[in-house]
Amino acid sequence: MTCGTPAVASDLPGMRQPILQTGMGKIFQMGDSEKLAQALIDVLSNPGAHQGNVPQITSRYSPETIAEEYEALFRELTN
């Protein structure tokens, strides 16, 4: 996503979150190969429909940003 590439992911909590938060891709029901194929075809056929704000996504998911969020969480949990 930070390179502008949309993703296709199964509808599992950890897998679907980046797509839900950025709008960059499609989510399919786990175990449904037809839905997976449809999601892949849709993303490949309409890549512009699944683009997000790459600079914003890059900033949001940078290692530095994530590390700061973990540090804040750890401080909160240990106080």
Protein backbone atom coordinates (compact mmCIF):
# COMPACT_ATOMS: atom_id res chain seq x y z
CA MET A 1 0.00 0.00 0.00
CA THR A 2 2.87 2.36 0.72
CA CYS A 3 3.96 1.76 -2.88
CA GLY A 4 0.46 2.46 -4.19
CA THR A 5 -0.44 -1.19 -4.69
CA PRO A 6 -3.93 -2.24 -3.54
CA ALA A 7 -4.30 -5.52 -1.65
CA VAL A 8 -6.74 -8.41 -1.54
CA ALA A 9 -7.23 -10.01 1.87
CA SER A 10 -9.48 -12.49 3.61
CA ASP A 11 -12.10 -11.27 6.06
CA LEU A 12 -10.05 -11.97 9.18
CA PRO A 13 -9.66 -9.29 11.85
CA GLY A 14 -5.94 -8.64 11.37
CA MET A 15 -5.99 -9.09 7.61
CA ARG A 16 -8.91 -6.81 6.79
CA GLN A 17 -7.92 -3.81 8.91
CA PRO A 18 -5.42 -2.18 6.53
CA ILE A 19 -7.95 -2.34 3.70
CA LEU A 20 -10.77 -1.06 5.89
CA GLN A 21 -8.61 1.80 7.16
CA THR A 22 -7.17 2.84 3.79
CA GLY A 23 -9.74 1.72 1.21
CA MET A 24 -6.90 0.24 -0.81
CA GLY A 25 -8.17 -3.11 -1.94
CA LYS A 26 -10.86 -5.71 -1.55
CA ILE A 27 -11.83 -8.12 1.19
CA PHE A 28 -13.21 -11.58 0.47
CA GLN A 29 -14.83 -14.20 2.69
CA MET A 30 -12.25 -16.68 3.91
CA GLY A 31 -12.54 -20.07 2.26
CA ASP A 32 -14.52 -18.75 -0.72
CA SER A 33 -12.31 -19.17 -3.77
CA GLU A 34 -14.90 -17.58 -6.06
CA LYS A 35 -14.97 -14.43 -3.94
CA LEU A 36 -11.17 -14.40 -3.93
CA ALA A 37 -11.11 -14.65 -7.72
CA GLN A 38 -13.73 -11.89 -8.03
CA ALA A 39 -11.78 -9.61 -5.68
CA LEU A 40 -8.54 -10.17 -7.60
CA ILE A 41 -10.23 -9.53 -10.95
CA ASP A 42 -11.86 -6.37 -9.61
CA VAL A 43 -8.62 -4.95 -8.20
CA LEU A 44 -6.64 -5.83 -11.31
CA SER A 45 -9.33 -4.50 -13.65
CA ASN A 46 -9.97 -1.28 -11.69
CA PRO A 47 -6.76 -0.38 -9.84
CA GLY A 48 -7.70 3.30 -9.71
CA ALA A 49 -10.86 2.48 -7.79
CA HIS A 50 -8.74 1.05 -4.98
CA GLN A 51 -6.16 3.80 -4.57
CA GLY A 52 -5.63 5.64 -1.33
CA ASN A 53 -3.60 8.56 -0.12
CA VAL A 54 -0.14 6.98 -0.30
CA PRO A 55 1.73 9.75 1.59
CA GLN A 56 -0.83 9.58 4.40
CA ILE A 57 -0.69 5.76 4.48
CA THR A 58 3.12 5.80 4.47
CA SER A 59 3.15 8.23 7.39
CA ARG A 60 0.49 6.31 9.33
CA TYR A 61 2.20 2.93 8.98
CA SER A 62 5.85 3.99 9.15
CA PRO A 63 8.00 2.00 11.55
CA GLU A 64 8.56 5.16 13.58
CA THR A 65 4.83 5.85 13.96
CA ILE A 66 4.06 2.26 14.92
CA ALA A 67 6.96 2.18 17.42
CA GLU A 68 5.71 5.39 19.04
CA GLU A 69 2.22 3.94 19.37
CA TYR A 70 3.56 0.74 20.96
CA GLU A 71 5.72 2.75 23.36
CA ALA A 72 2.71 4.86 24.39
CA LEU A 73 0.64 1.71 24.92
CA PHE A 74 3.38 0.07 27.00
CA ARG A 75 3.73 3.22 29.13
CA GLU A 76 -0.02 3.27 29.67
CA LEU A 77 -0.10 -0.40 30.64
CA THR A 78 2.79 -0.13 33.06
CA ASN A 79 1.59 2.98 34.89
